[in-house]
Amino acid sequence: MNITSRYESLERNNVVGDFQFIVMEKYLSQDNDLPFLERIVMKLYFWLKEISLSEEKGFGLDVSNVTVEKIPLIVTPVSNIKLKRIDD
């Protein structure tokens, strides 16, 4: 992707245009009803993702042009939530 400015005066000097990249990063939500083994596998996956190369560095993006949006990942939603009504 060519991100140099489209203005002729800036394009001659290879000045980067006004860009903002948004990286959507998933995290494991607490609202999951996962079995023990699956929970361990998911935590291991997210731990490996945390220590590995970030997407910003992988794509070679400048940190000042990147916004990271964190999105909760819900694999198995909780089905039986027991709520109790309290009268005042």
N, C-alpha and C. Protein backbone atom coordinates (compact mmCIF):
# COMPACT_ATOMS: atom_id res chain seq x y z
N MET A 1 0.84 -1.15 0.00
CA MET A 1 0.00 0.00 0.00
C MET A 1 0.90 1.23 0.00
N ASN A 2 0.62 2.15 -0.87
CA ASN A 2 1.39 3.38 -0.95
C ASN A 2 0.74 4.41 -0.03
N ILE A 3 1.49 4.84 1.01
CA ILE A 3 0.92 5.79 1.97
C ILE A 3 1.57 7.16 1.86
N THR A 4 2.30 7.39 0.78
CA THR A 4 2.87 8.73 0.60
C THR A 4 1.74 9.70 0.27
N SER A 5 1.98 10.95 0.60
CA SER A 5 0.96 11.97 0.40
C SER A 5 0.65 12.13 -1.08
N ARG A 6 -0.59 12.47 -1.40
CA ARG A 6 -1.00 12.64 -2.79
C ARG A 6 -0.78 14.07 -3.29
N TYR A 7 -0.41 14.97 -2.39
CA TYR A 7 -0.09 16.33 -2.81
C TYR A 7 1.27 16.32 -3.49
N GLU A 8 1.36 16.99 -4.65
CA GLU A 8 2.59 16.95 -5.45
C GLU A 8 3.79 17.44 -4.67
N SER A 9 3.64 18.53 -3.91
CA SER A 9 4.78 19.09 -3.18
C SER A 9 5.28 18.14 -2.11
N LEU A 10 4.39 17.40 -1.49
CA LEU A 10 4.79 16.45 -0.45
C LEU A 10 5.22 15.12 -1.04
N GLU A 11 4.63 14.75 -2.17
CA GLU A 11 4.97 13.47 -2.80
C GLU A 11 6.41 13.46 -3.30
N ARG A 12 6.90 14.63 -3.76
CA ARG A 12 8.29 14.71 -4.25
C ARG A 12 9.29 14.37 -3.14
N ASN A 13 8.95 14.70 -1.91
CA ASN A 13 9.85 14.45 -0.78
C ASN A 13 9.50 13.17 -0.02
N ASN A 14 8.60 12.36 -0.57
CA ASN A 14 8.16 11.09 0.05
C ASN A 14 7.63 11.28 1.47
N VAL A 15 6.83 12.32 1.67
CA VAL A 15 6.22 12.58 2.97
C VAL A 15 4.99 11.67 3.11
N VAL A 16 4.88 11.04 4.26
CA VAL A 16 3.76 10.14 4.52
C VAL A 16 2.50 10.96 4.71
N GLY A 17 1.40 10.50 4.12
CA GLY A 17 0.12 11.18 4.24
C GLY A 17 -0.50 10.99 5.61
N ASP A 18 -1.65 11.55 5.81
CA ASP A 18 -2.36 11.43 7.08
C ASP A 18 -3.12 10.11 7.11
N PHE A 19 -2.56 9.13 7.79
CA PHE A 19 -3.16 7.82 7.90
C PHE A 19 -3.25 7.42 9.35
N GLN A 20 -4.29 6.71 9.69
CA GLN A 20 -4.43 6.11 11.01
C GLN A 20 -4.83 4.66 10.79
N PHE A 21 -4.00 3.74 11.26
CA PHE A 21 -4.28 2.32 11.13
C PHE A 21 -4.91 1.83 12.41
N ILE A 22 -5.95 1.03 12.29
CA ILE A 22 -6.62 0.46 13.45
C ILE A 22 -6.41 -1.05 13.44
N VAL A 23 -5.78 -1.55 14.48
CA VAL A 23 -5.52 -2.97 14.63
C VAL A 23 -6.52 -3.50 15.65
N MET A 24 -7.31 -4.49 15.24
CA MET A 24 -8.30 -5.08 16.14
C MET A 24 -7.68 -6.31 16.80
N GLU A 25 -7.53 -6.24 18.11
CA GLU A 25 -6.89 -7.30 18.87
C GLU A 25 -7.90 -7.97 19.77
N LYS A 26 -7.99 -9.29 19.69
CA LYS A 26 -8.94 -10.04 20.51
C LYS A 26 -8.31 -10.43 21.84
N TYR A 27 -9.14 -10.47 22.87
CA TYR A 27 -8.71 -11.00 24.15
C TYR A 27 -9.80 -11.93 24.68
N LEU A 28 -9.42 -12.86 25.52
CA LEU A 28 -10.37 -13.85 26.03
C LEU A 28 -11.24 -13.21 27.10
N SER A 29 -12.54 -13.16 26.85
CA SER A 29 -13.49 -12.55 27.77
C SER A 29 -13.72 -13.47 28.97
N GLN A 30 -14.06 -12.86 30.09
CA GLN A 30 -14.39 -13.63 31.29
C GLN A 30 -15.79 -14.24 31.20
N ASP A 31 -16.55 -13.85 30.19
CA ASP A 31 -17.93 -14.33 30.03
C ASP A 31 -18.00 -15.64 29.24
N ASN A 32 -16.98 -16.45 29.31
CA ASN A 32 -16.95 -17.73 28.63
C ASN A 32 -17.19 -18.86 29.63
N ASP A 33 -17.90 -19.87 29.19
CA ASP A 33 -18.13 -21.06 30.00
C ASP A 33 -17.37 -22.21 29.37
N LEU A 34 -16.04 -22.15 29.47
CA LEU A 34 -15.19 -23.14 28.83
C LEU A 34 -14.83 -24.26 29.81
N PRO A 35 -14.73 -25.49 29.30
CA PRO A 35 -14.20 -26.57 30.13
C PRO A 35 -12.74 -26.27 30.51
N PHE A 36 -12.25 -26.93 31.53
CA PHE A 36 -10.92 -26.65 32.06
C PHE A 36 -9.82 -26.75 30.99
N LEU A 37 -9.82 -27.82 30.22
CA LEU A 37 -8.77 -28.03 29.21
C LEU A 37 -8.82 -26.95 28.12
N GLU A 38 -10.02 -26.61 27.66
CA GLU A 38 -10.14 -25.57 26.64
C GLU A 38 -9.71 -24.21 27.17
N ARG A 39 -10.00 -23.95 28.44
CA ARG A 39 -9.58 -22.69 29.05
C ARG A 39 -8.06 -22.58 29.08
N ILE A 40 -7.40 -23.69 29.40
CA ILE A 40 -5.93 -23.71 29.42
C ILE A 40 -5.38 -23.50 28.02
N VAL A 41 -5.97 -24.16 27.03
CA VAL A 41 -5.52 -24.01 25.65
C VAL A 41 -5.68 -22.56 25.18
N MET A 42 -6.81 -21.94 25.49
CA MET A 42 -7.04 -20.55 25.08
C MET A 42 -6.08 -19.60 25.79
N LYS A 43 -5.82 -19.83 27.07
CA LYS A 43 -4.87 -18.97 27.79
C LYS A 43 -3.47 -19.14 27.24
N LEU A 44 -3.10 -20.36 26.88
CA LEU A 44 -1.80 -20.61 26.26
C LEU A 44 -1.69 -19.89 24.92
N TYR A 45 -2.75 -19.95 24.12
CA TYR A 45 -2.78 -19.26 22.82
C TYR A 45 -2.58 -17.76 23.00
N PHE A 46 -3.31 -17.16 23.92
CA PHE A 46 -3.19 -15.72 24.11
C PHE A 46 -1.85 -15.34 24.75
N TRP A 47 -1.27 -16.23 25.56
CA TRP A 47 0.05 -15.96 26.11
C TRP A 47 1.10 -15.98 24.99
N LEU A 48 1.01 -16.97 24.10
CA LEU A 48 1.94 -17.03 22.96
C LEU A 48 1.77 -15.81 22.06
N LYS A 49 0.54 -15.39 21.87
CA LYS A 49 0.27 -14.20 21.05
C LYS A 49 0.87 -12.95 21.69
N GLU A 50 0.85 -12.90 23.04
CA GLU A 50 1.38 -11.75 23.76
C GLU A 50 2.89 -11.65 23.64
N ILE A 51 3.60 -12.80 23.66
CA ILE A 51 5.06 -12.76 23.62
C ILE A 51 5.60 -12.77 22.19
N SER A 52 4.74 -13.01 21.21
CA SER A 52 5.20 -13.05 19.82
C SER A 52 5.24 -11.65 19.21
N LEU A 53 5.57 -11.57 17.96
CA LEU A 53 5.67 -10.31 17.23
C LEU A 53 4.29 -9.66 17.12
N SER A 54 4.20 -8.38 17.49
CA SER A 54 2.92 -7.69 17.42
C SER A 54 2.55 -7.43 15.96
N GLU A 55 1.27 -7.21 15.71
CA GLU A 55 0.81 -6.99 14.35
C GLU A 55 1.34 -5.68 13.78
N GLU A 56 1.50 -4.66 14.64
CA GLU A 56 2.04 -3.39 14.18
C GLU A 56 3.46 -3.57 13.65
N LYS A 57 4.28 -4.31 14.40
CA LYS A 57 5.65 -4.56 13.96
C LYS A 57 5.68 -5.50 12.76
N GLY A 58 4.77 -6.46 12.74
CA GLY A 58 4.71 -7.41 11.64
C GLY A 58 4.38 -6.75 10.31
N PHE A 59 3.52 -5.76 10.36
CA PHE A 59 3.17 -5.01 9.14
C PHE A 59 4.10 -3.84 8.90
N GLY A 60 5.02 -3.57 9.84
CA GLY A 60 5.96 -2.47 9.68
C GLY A 60 5.31 -1.10 9.82
N LEU A 61 4.31 -0.99 10.69
CA LEU A 61 3.60 0.27 10.87
C LEU A 61 4.27 1.13 11.93
N ASP A 62 4.23 2.43 11.73
CA ASP A 62 4.75 3.37 12.71
C ASP A 62 3.79 3.42 13.90
N VAL A 63 4.32 3.35 15.10
CA VAL A 63 3.49 3.28 16.30
C VAL A 63 2.61 4.53 16.44
N SER A 64 3.07 5.66 15.95
CA SER A 64 2.28 6.89 16.09
C SER A 64 1.05 6.89 15.18
N ASN A 65 1.00 6.02 14.18
CA ASN A 65 -0.14 5.95 13.26
C ASN A 65 -1.05 4.77 13.56
N VAL A 66 -0.88 4.11 14.70
CA VAL A 66 -1.63 2.88 14.98
C VAL A 66 -2.47 3.06 16.25
N THR A 67 -3.74 2.65 16.15
CA THR A 67 -4.62 2.57 17.31
C THR A 67 -5.02 1.11 17.47
N VAL A 68 -4.87 0.59 18.69
CA VAL A 68 -5.21 -0.81 18.96
C VAL A 68 -6.57 -0.85 19.64
N GLU A 69 -7.53 -1.53 19.01
CA GLU A 69 -8.87 -1.72 19.57
C GLU A 69 -8.93 -3.13 20.14
N LYS A 70 -9.27 -3.26 21.39
CA LYS A 70 -9.38 -4.58 22.01
C LYS A 70 -10.82 -5.05 21.97
N ILE A 71 -11.02 -6.27 21.46
CA ILE A 71 -12.35 -6.84 21.26
C ILE A 71 -12.44 -8.13 22.08
N PRO A 72 -13.48 -8.27 22.92
CA PRO A 72 -13.60 -9.50 23.70
C PRO A 72 -14.00 -10.68 22.82
N LEU A 73 -13.35 -11.79 23.05
CA LEU A 73 -13.65 -13.02 22.32
C LEU A 73 -14.49 -13.92 23.21
N ILE A 74 -15.69 -14.22 22.74
CA ILE A 74 -16.58 -15.11 23.49
C ILE A 74 -16.76 -16.38 22.67
N VAL A 75 -16.18 -17.46 23.16
CA VAL A 75 -16.21 -18.75 22.46
C VAL A 75 -17.46 -19.52 22.84
N THR A 76 -17.68 -19.69 24.14
CA THR A 76 -18.84 -20.40 24.66
C THR A 76 -19.53 -19.50 25.68
N PRO A 77 -20.60 -18.82 25.29
CA PRO A 77 -21.25 -17.92 26.25
C PRO A 77 -21.89 -18.69 27.41
N VAL A 78 -21.94 -18.05 28.52
CA VAL A 78 -22.56 -18.65 29.70
C VAL A 78 -24.05 -18.77 29.43
N SER A 79 -24.59 -19.98 29.62
CA SER A 79 -26.00 -20.20 29.28
C SER A 79 -26.93 -20.07 30.48
N ASN A 80 -26.53 -20.56 31.62
CA ASN A 80 -27.40 -20.53 32.79
C ASN A 80 -26.85 -19.54 33.82
N ILE A 81 -27.40 -18.37 33.80
CA ILE A 81 -27.03 -17.36 34.78
C ILE A 81 -28.14 -17.32 35.82
N LYS A 82 -27.78 -17.61 37.04
CA LYS A 82 -28.77 -17.62 38.11
C LYS A 82 -28.81 -16.25 38.75
N LEU A 83 -29.92 -15.56 38.54
CA LEU A 83 -30.13 -14.25 39.13
C LEU A 83 -31.19 -14.36 40.20
N LYS A 84 -31.02 -13.59 41.24
CA LYS A 84 -32.00 -13.59 42.32
C LYS A 84 -32.48 -12.16 42.53
N ARG A 85 -33.78 -11.98 42.49
CA ARG A 85 -34.36 -10.67 42.68
C ARG A 85 -34.41 -10.35 44.17
N ILE A 86 -33.95 -9.17 44.49
CA ILE A 86 -33.96 -8.71 45.89
C ILE A 86 -34.96 -7.59 46.00
N ASP A 87 -35.94 -7.76 46.89
CA ASP A 87 -36.95 -6.72 47.10
C ASP A 87 -36.41 -5.70 48.08
N ASP A 88 -36.67 -4.43 47.78
CA ASP A 88 -36.25 -3.36 48.69
C ASP A 88 -37.31 -3.02 49.68
